C-alpha atoms as a PDB file:
ATOM      1  CA  MET A   1      42.972  12.418  46.420  1.00  0.00           C
ATOM      2  CA  ALA A   2      43.887  15.157  44.087  1.00  0.00           C
ATOM      3  CA  ARG A   3      42.488  18.726  44.310  1.00  0.00           C
ATOM      4  CA  LEU A   4      41.047  20.260  41.120  1.00  0.00           C
ATOM      5  CA  ILE A   5      42.358  24.121  41.363  1.00  0.00           C
ATOM      6  CA  TYR A   6      41.074  26.975  39.390  1.00  0.00           C
ATOM      7  CA  ALA A   7      43.730  29.434  39.524  1.00  0.00           C
ATOM      8  CA  THR A   8      43.870  32.661  37.488  1.00  0.00           C
ATOM      9  CA  ILE A   9      45.091  36.190  37.371  1.00  0.00           C
ATOM     10  CA  THR A  10      42.271  38.698  37.166  1.00  0.00           C
ATOM     11  CA  SER A  11      41.631  42.414  37.328  1.00  0.00           C
ATOM     12  CA  LEU A  12      40.024  43.918  40.152  1.00  0.00           C
ATOM     13  CA  ASP A  13      36.543  43.913  38.456  1.00  0.00           C
ATOM     14  CA  GLY A  14      36.862  40.213  37.825  1.00  0.00           C
ATOM     15  CA  TYR A  15      38.008  39.705  34.188  1.00  0.00           C
ATOM     16  CA  LEU A  16      40.739  37.431  32.646  1.00  0.00           C
ATOM     17  CA  GLU A  17      41.165  39.620  29.683  1.00  0.00           C
ATOM     18  CA  ASP A  18      40.061  42.888  28.379  1.00  0.00           C
ATOM     19  CA  GLU A  19      37.309  43.267  25.524  1.00  0.00           C
ATOM     20  CA  GLY A  20      40.047  42.938  22.848  1.00  0.00           C
ATOM     21  CA  GLY A  21      41.300  39.678  24.277  1.00  0.00           C
ATOM     22  CA  ASN A  22      44.406  41.325  25.618  1.00  0.00           C
ATOM     23  CA  ILE A  23      45.819  39.931  28.559  1.00  0.00           C
ATOM     24  CA  ASP A  24      49.334  41.993  28.718  1.00  0.00           C
ATOM     25  CA  TRP A  25      48.209  43.753  31.956  1.00  0.00           C
ATOM     26  CA  ALA A  26      48.267  40.258  33.612  1.00  0.00           C
ATOM     27  CA  ALA A  27      51.785  39.655  33.230  1.00  0.00           C
ATOM     28  CA  PRO A  28      53.148  38.792  36.917  1.00  0.00           C
ATOM     29  CA  ASP A  29      56.497  40.492  38.150  1.00  0.00           C
ATOM     30  CA  GLU A  30      59.131  38.547  39.759  1.00  0.00           C
ATOM     31  CA  GLU A  31      57.612  38.499  43.354  1.00  0.00           C
ATOM     32  CA  VAL A  32      54.306  37.480  42.014  1.00  0.00           C
ATOM     33  CA  PHE A  33      55.843  34.701  39.549  1.00  0.00           C
ATOM     34  CA  GLU A  34      57.873  33.049  42.281  1.00  0.00           C
ATOM     35  CA  PHE A  35      54.955  32.630  44.466  1.00  0.00           C
ATOM     36  CA  ILE A  36      52.977  31.221  41.336  1.00  0.00           C
ATOM     37  CA  ASN A  37      55.842  28.474  40.981  1.00  0.00           C
ATOM     38  CA  GLU A  38      55.680  27.550  44.630  1.00  0.00           C
ATOM     39  CA  LEU A  39      52.026  26.941  44.078  1.00  0.00           C
ATOM     40  CA  GLN A  40      52.570  24.984  40.738  1.00  0.00           C
ATOM     41  CA  ARG A  41      54.816  22.423  42.518  1.00  0.00           C
ATOM     42  CA  THR A  42      51.912  20.485  43.545  1.00  0.00           C
ATOM     43  CA  ILE A  43      50.475  20.312  40.117  1.00  0.00           C
ATOM     44  CA  GLY A  44      50.914  17.277  37.971  1.00  0.00           C
ATOM     45  CA  THR A  45      47.990  17.824  35.223  1.00  0.00           C
ATOM     46  CA  TYR A  46      46.922  20.920  33.446  1.00  0.00           C
ATOM     47  CA  LEU A  47      43.368  21.059  31.889  1.00  0.00           C
ATOM     48  CA  TYR A  48      43.217  23.518  29.181  1.00  0.00           C
ATOM     49  CA  GLY A  49      40.642  24.890  26.733  1.00  0.00           C
ATOM     50  CA  ARG A  50      42.095  25.781  23.269  1.00  0.00           C
ATOM     51  CA  ARG A  51      42.751  29.533  23.700  1.00  0.00           C
ATOM     52  CA  MET A  52      44.391  29.161  27.073  1.00  0.00           C
ATOM     53  CA  TYR A  53      46.563  26.128  25.848  1.00  0.00           C
ATOM     54  CA  GLU A  54      47.647  28.237  22.624  1.00  0.00           C
ATOM     55  CA  THR A  55      48.802  30.844  25.035  1.00  0.00           C
ATOM     56  CA  MET A  56      50.533  28.713  27.591  1.00  0.00           C
ATOM     57  CA  VAL A  57      52.335  26.616  24.902  1.00  0.00           C
ATOM     58  CA  TYR A  58      54.846  29.471  24.693  1.00  0.00           C
ATOM     59  CA  TRP A  59      56.551  27.445  27.458  1.00  0.00           C
ATOM     60  CA  GLU A  60      57.241  24.515  25.606  1.00  0.00           C
ATOM     61  CA  ASN A  61      59.480  26.070  22.956  1.00  0.00           C
ATOM     62  CA  ASP A  62      63.017  27.342  23.748  1.00  0.00           C
ATOM     63  CA  VAL A  63      63.112  31.219  23.562  1.00  0.00           C
ATOM     64  CA  ALA A  64      65.914  33.467  22.022  1.00  0.00           C
ATOM     65  CA  HIS A  65      66.194  35.809  25.052  1.00  0.00           C
ATOM     66  CA  GLU A  66      67.740  35.100  28.391  1.00  0.00           C
ATOM     67  CA  GLU A  67      65.217  34.052  31.010  1.00  0.00           C
ATOM     68  CA  SER A  68      64.951  34.716  34.516  1.00  0.00           C
ATOM     69  CA  PRO A  69      65.626  31.807  36.893  1.00  0.00           C
ATOM     70  CA  VAL A  70      61.782  32.257  37.916  1.00  0.00           C
ATOM     71  CA  GLU A  71      60.789  31.860  34.336  1.00  0.00           C
ATOM     72  CA  GLN A  72      63.180  28.763  33.578  1.00  0.00           C
ATOM     73  CA  ASP A  73      61.852  27.155  36.595  1.00  0.00           C
ATOM     74  CA  PHE A  74      57.996  27.447  35.427  1.00  0.00           C
ATOM     75  CA  ARG A  75      58.975  26.689  32.107  1.00  0.00           C
ATOM     76  CA  THR A  76      60.816  23.358  33.688  1.00  0.00           C
ATOM     77  CA  MET A  77      57.570  22.591  35.641  1.00  0.00           C
ATOM     78  CA  TRP A  78      55.330  23.175  32.688  1.00  0.00           C
ATOM     79  CA  ARG A  79      57.212  20.927  30.387  1.00  0.00           C
ATOM     80  CA  SER A  80      57.091  18.086  32.693  1.00  0.00           C
ATOM     81  CA  ALA A  81      53.422  18.057  33.639  1.00  0.00           C
ATOM     82  CA  GLU A  82      50.733  16.219  32.024  1.00  0.00           C
ATOM     83  CA  LYS A  83      48.314  18.534  29.825  1.00  0.00           C
ATOM     84  CA  ILE A  84      45.064  17.741  28.704  1.00  0.00           C
ATOM     85  CA  VAL A  85      43.520  20.033  26.024  1.00  0.00           C
ATOM     86  CA  TYR A  86      39.791  20.038  25.270  1.00  0.00           C
ATOM     87  CA  SER A  87      39.163  21.287  21.688  1.00  0.00           C
ATOM     88  CA  THR A  88      36.958  20.763  18.825  1.00  0.00           C
ATOM     89  CA  SER A  89      39.113  22.558  16.490  1.00  0.00           C
ATOM     90  CA  LEU A  90      42.742  21.642  17.139  1.00  0.00           C
ATOM     91  CA  THR A  91      43.725  18.562  15.431  1.00  0.00           C
ATOM     92  CA  ALA A  92      47.209  18.088  17.140  1.00  0.00           C
ATOM     93  CA  ALA A  93      48.945  19.400  20.350  1.00  0.00           C
ATOM     94  CA  SER A  94      52.059  21.244  19.709  1.00  0.00           C
ATOM     95  CA  SER A  95      53.583  19.997  23.286  1.00  0.00           C
ATOM     96  CA  ALA A  96      55.072  17.013  25.057  1.00  0.00           C
ATOM     97  CA  ASN A  97      53.162  15.207  27.567  1.00  0.00           C
ATOM     98  CA  THR A  98      49.763  16.590  25.884  1.00  0.00           C
ATOM     99  CA  ARG A  99      46.725  14.546  24.805  1.00  0.00           C
ATOM    100  CA  MET A 100      43.829  16.011  23.060  1.00  0.00           C
ATOM    101  CA  GLU A 101      40.083  15.427  24.112  1.00  0.00           C
ATOM    102  CA  ARG A 102      37.125  16.650  22.067  1.00  0.00           C
ATOM    103  CA  THR A 103      34.652  17.237  24.915  1.00  0.00           C
ATOM    104  CA  PHE A 104      34.820  17.754  28.655  1.00  0.00           C
ATOM    105  CA  ASP A 105      33.818  14.484  30.577  1.00  0.00           C
ATOM    106  CA  ALA A 106      33.072  15.447  34.058  1.00  0.00           C
ATOM    107  CA  ASN A 107      33.348  11.649  35.088  1.00  0.00           C
ATOM    108  CA  ALA A 108      36.388  11.196  33.609  1.00  0.00           C
ATOM    109  CA  ILE A 109      37.839  14.096  35.700  1.00  0.00           C
ATOM    110  CA  ARG A 110      36.445  12.753  38.713  1.00  0.00           C
ATOM    111  CA  ALA A 111      38.267   9.588  38.149  1.00  0.00           C
ATOM    112  CA  LEU A 112      41.313  11.566  37.689  1.00  0.00           C
ATOM    113  CA  LYS A 113      40.989  13.223  40.999  1.00  0.00           C
ATOM    114  CA  THR A 114      41.163   9.989  42.560  1.00  0.00           C
ATOM    115  CA  THR A 115      44.848   9.762  41.963  1.00  0.00           C
ATOM    116  CA  PRO A 116      46.676  10.739  44.976  1.00  0.00           C
ATOM    117  CA  GLU A 117      49.727  11.712  43.250  1.00  0.00           C
ATOM    118  CA  ARG A 118      49.458  15.493  42.176  1.00  0.00           C
ATOM    119  CA  ASP A 119      46.914  18.107  41.845  1.00  0.00           C
ATOM    120  CA  ILE A 120      45.170  19.193  38.766  1.00  0.00           C
ATOM    121  CA  THR A 121      44.296  22.550  37.494  1.00  0.00           C
ATOM    122  CA  VAL A 122      41.772  23.849  35.194  1.00  0.00           C
ATOM    123  CA  ASN A 123      42.787  26.745  33.068  1.00  0.00           C
ATOM    124  CA  GLY A 124      40.727  29.112  30.726  1.00  0.00           C
ATOM    125  CA  ALA A 125      37.281  30.496  31.608  1.00  0.00           C
ATOM    126  CA  ASN A 126      34.909  28.390  29.351  1.00  0.00           C
ATOM    127  CA  LEU A 127      36.686  25.123  30.426  1.00  0.00           C
ATOM    128  CA  ALA A 128      36.689  26.228  34.303  1.00  0.00           C
ATOM    129  CA  ALA A 129      32.865  27.087  33.957  1.00  0.00           C
ATOM    130  CA  GLN A 130      32.040  23.550  32.738  1.00  0.00           C
ATOM    131  CA  ALA A 131      34.297  22.114  35.805  1.00  0.00           C
ATOM    132  CA  PHE A 132      32.451  24.756  38.274  1.00  0.00           C
ATOM    133  CA  ARG A 133      28.951  23.607  36.944  1.00  0.00           C
ATOM    134  CA  ALA A 134      29.732  20.150  37.434  1.00  0.00           C
ATOM    135  CA  GLY A 135      30.978  20.603  40.981  1.00  0.00           C
ATOM    136  CA  LEU A 136      34.486  19.446  40.463  1.00  0.00           C
ATOM    137  CA  VAL A 137      36.173  22.632  41.446  1.00  0.00           C
ATOM    138  CA  ASP A 138      37.861  22.108  44.998  1.00  0.00           C
ATOM    139  CA  GLU A 139      39.845  25.272  45.376  1.00  0.00           C
ATOM    140  CA  CYS A 140      40.067  28.904  43.781  1.00  0.00           C
ATOM    141  CA  GLN A 141      43.423  30.667  43.529  1.00  0.00           C
ATOM    142  CA  LEU A 142      42.696  34.192  42.562  1.00  0.00           C
ATOM    143  CA  PHE A 143      45.418  36.927  41.768  1.00  0.00           C
ATOM    144  CA  LEU A 144      43.500  40.281  41.795  1.00  0.00           C
ATOM    145  CA  THR A 145      45.393  42.720  39.839  1.00  0.00           C
ATOM    146  CA  PRO A 146      45.187  46.362  40.510  1.00  0.00           C
ATOM    147  CA  ILE A 147      43.468  47.282  37.210  1.00  0.00           C
ATOM    148  CA  VAL A 148      39.899  47.803  36.356  1.00  0.00           C
ATOM    149  CA  LEU A 149      39.087  46.830  32.851  1.00  0.00           C
ATOM    150  CA  GLY A 150      35.408  47.805  32.619  1.00  0.00           C
ATOM    151  CA  GLY A 151      34.423  44.525  30.386  1.00  0.00           C
ATOM    152  CA  GLY A 152      35.935  41.646  28.906  1.00  0.00           C
ATOM    153  CA  LYS A 153      36.046  37.799  29.702  1.00  0.00           C
ATOM    154  CA  PRO A 154      34.690  37.064  33.184  1.00  0.00           C
ATOM    155  CA  ALA A 155      37.009  35.073  35.308  1.00  0.00           C
ATOM    156  CA  LEU A 156      34.302  33.236  37.076  1.00  0.00           C
ATOM    157  CA  PRO A 157      31.390  31.609  35.496  1.00  0.00           C
ATOM    158  CA  SER A 158      27.758  33.109  35.719  1.00  0.00           C
ATOM    159  CA  GLU A 159      24.844  31.075  36.723  1.00  0.00           C
ATOM    160  CA  VAL A 160      26.863  29.226  39.673  1.00  0.00           C
ATOM    161  CA  ARG A 161      26.597  29.776  43.254  1.00  0.00           C
ATOM    162  CA  LEU A 162      29.477  28.549  45.541  1.00  0.00           C
ATOM    163  CA  GLU A 163      30.054  29.155  49.141  1.00  0.00           C
ATOM    164  CA  LEU A 164      33.797  29.654  49.704  1.00  0.00           C
ATOM    165  CA  GLU A 165      36.109  29.447  52.696  1.00  0.00           C
ATOM    166  CA  LEU A 166      39.173  31.808  52.677  1.00  0.00           C
ATOM    167  CA  LEU A 167      42.079  29.497  53.260  1.00  0.00           C
ATOM    168  CA  ASP A 168      44.837  31.920  52.625  1.00  0.00           C
ATOM    169  CA  GLU A 169      45.658  35.514  51.382  1.00  0.00           C
ATOM    170  CA  ARG A 170      48.637  37.545  50.407  1.00  0.00           C
ATOM    171  CA  ARG A 171      49.571  40.998  49.422  1.00  0.00           C
ATOM    172  CA  PHE A 172      52.466  41.743  46.905  1.00  0.00           C
ATOM    173  CA  ASP A 173      54.542  45.033  46.902  1.00  0.00           C
ATOM    174  CA  ASN A 174      52.918  45.702  43.157  1.00  0.00           C
ATOM    175  CA  GLY A 175      49.428  45.784  44.503  1.00  0.00           C
ATOM    176  CA  VAL A 176      48.471  42.364  43.632  1.00  0.00           C
ATOM    177  CA  VAL A 177      46.539  40.474  46.109  1.00  0.00           C
ATOM    178  CA  PHE A 178      46.257  36.438  46.301  1.00  0.00           C
ATOM    179  CA  LEU A 179      43.253  34.859  47.606  1.00  0.00           C
ATOM    180  CA  ARG A 180      42.908  31.004  47.993  1.00  0.00           C
ATOM    181  CA  TYR A 181      39.338  29.467  48.625  1.00  0.00           C
ATOM    182  CA  ARG A 182      38.026  26.198  49.353  1.00  0.00           C
ATOM    183  CA  THR A 183      34.879  25.621  47.717  1.00  0.00           C
ATOM    184  CA  SER A 184      31.651  24.213  49.369  1.00  0.00           C
ATOM    185  CA  SER A 185      31.965  21.353  47.163  1.00  0.00           C
ATOM    186  CA  ALA A 186      35.087  20.501  48.402  1.00  0.00           C
ATOM    187  CA  SER A 187      34.087  21.056  52.109  1.00  0.00           C
ATOM    188  CA  SER A 188      31.278  18.649  51.519  1.00  0.00           C
ATOM    189  CA  GLU A 189      33.829  16.092  50.328  1.00  0.00           C
ATOM    190  CA  ASP A 190      35.934  16.408  53.070  1.00  0.00           C
ATOM    191  CA  ALA A 191      33.243  15.699  55.778  1.00  0.00           C
END
């Protein structure tokens, strides 16, 4: 059975973008990016909200500058994965292996999770909040960045209570800390 993973880079005070919608502070260095790539190797499907998809579609297009091997590795993985974009405003996808959905359907995600091949990530705060509220998220992978933003878009949803079990942690030279948790809903499914 595939896991539904919520993975995000967040400020120390829990925001994924600042009050102006800026995420430039969250760009991973080579060490963190390489670790992210290792985590991504299990992913077969990305679930995106519109804004996150518009950010990530960057990886679909060839770039004019020379990329590092880590960036090239991520680009290859991203291009080959299936992508499902939830949007009421986008009319068409601008990447391969992508399908559009107008509404988030928890039952469709439950069915998708029964496929044993590859894991699934949910990306974007609003879409992830829907998955959390539906009890679909099995794992949280948080990259805490040593910056305090003082406000912005929260990385985790409000009005959701989950017990979490720490599975892994790692510190990076740049001060980023990775925390990996299993959710209480995943623990009850494993029992």
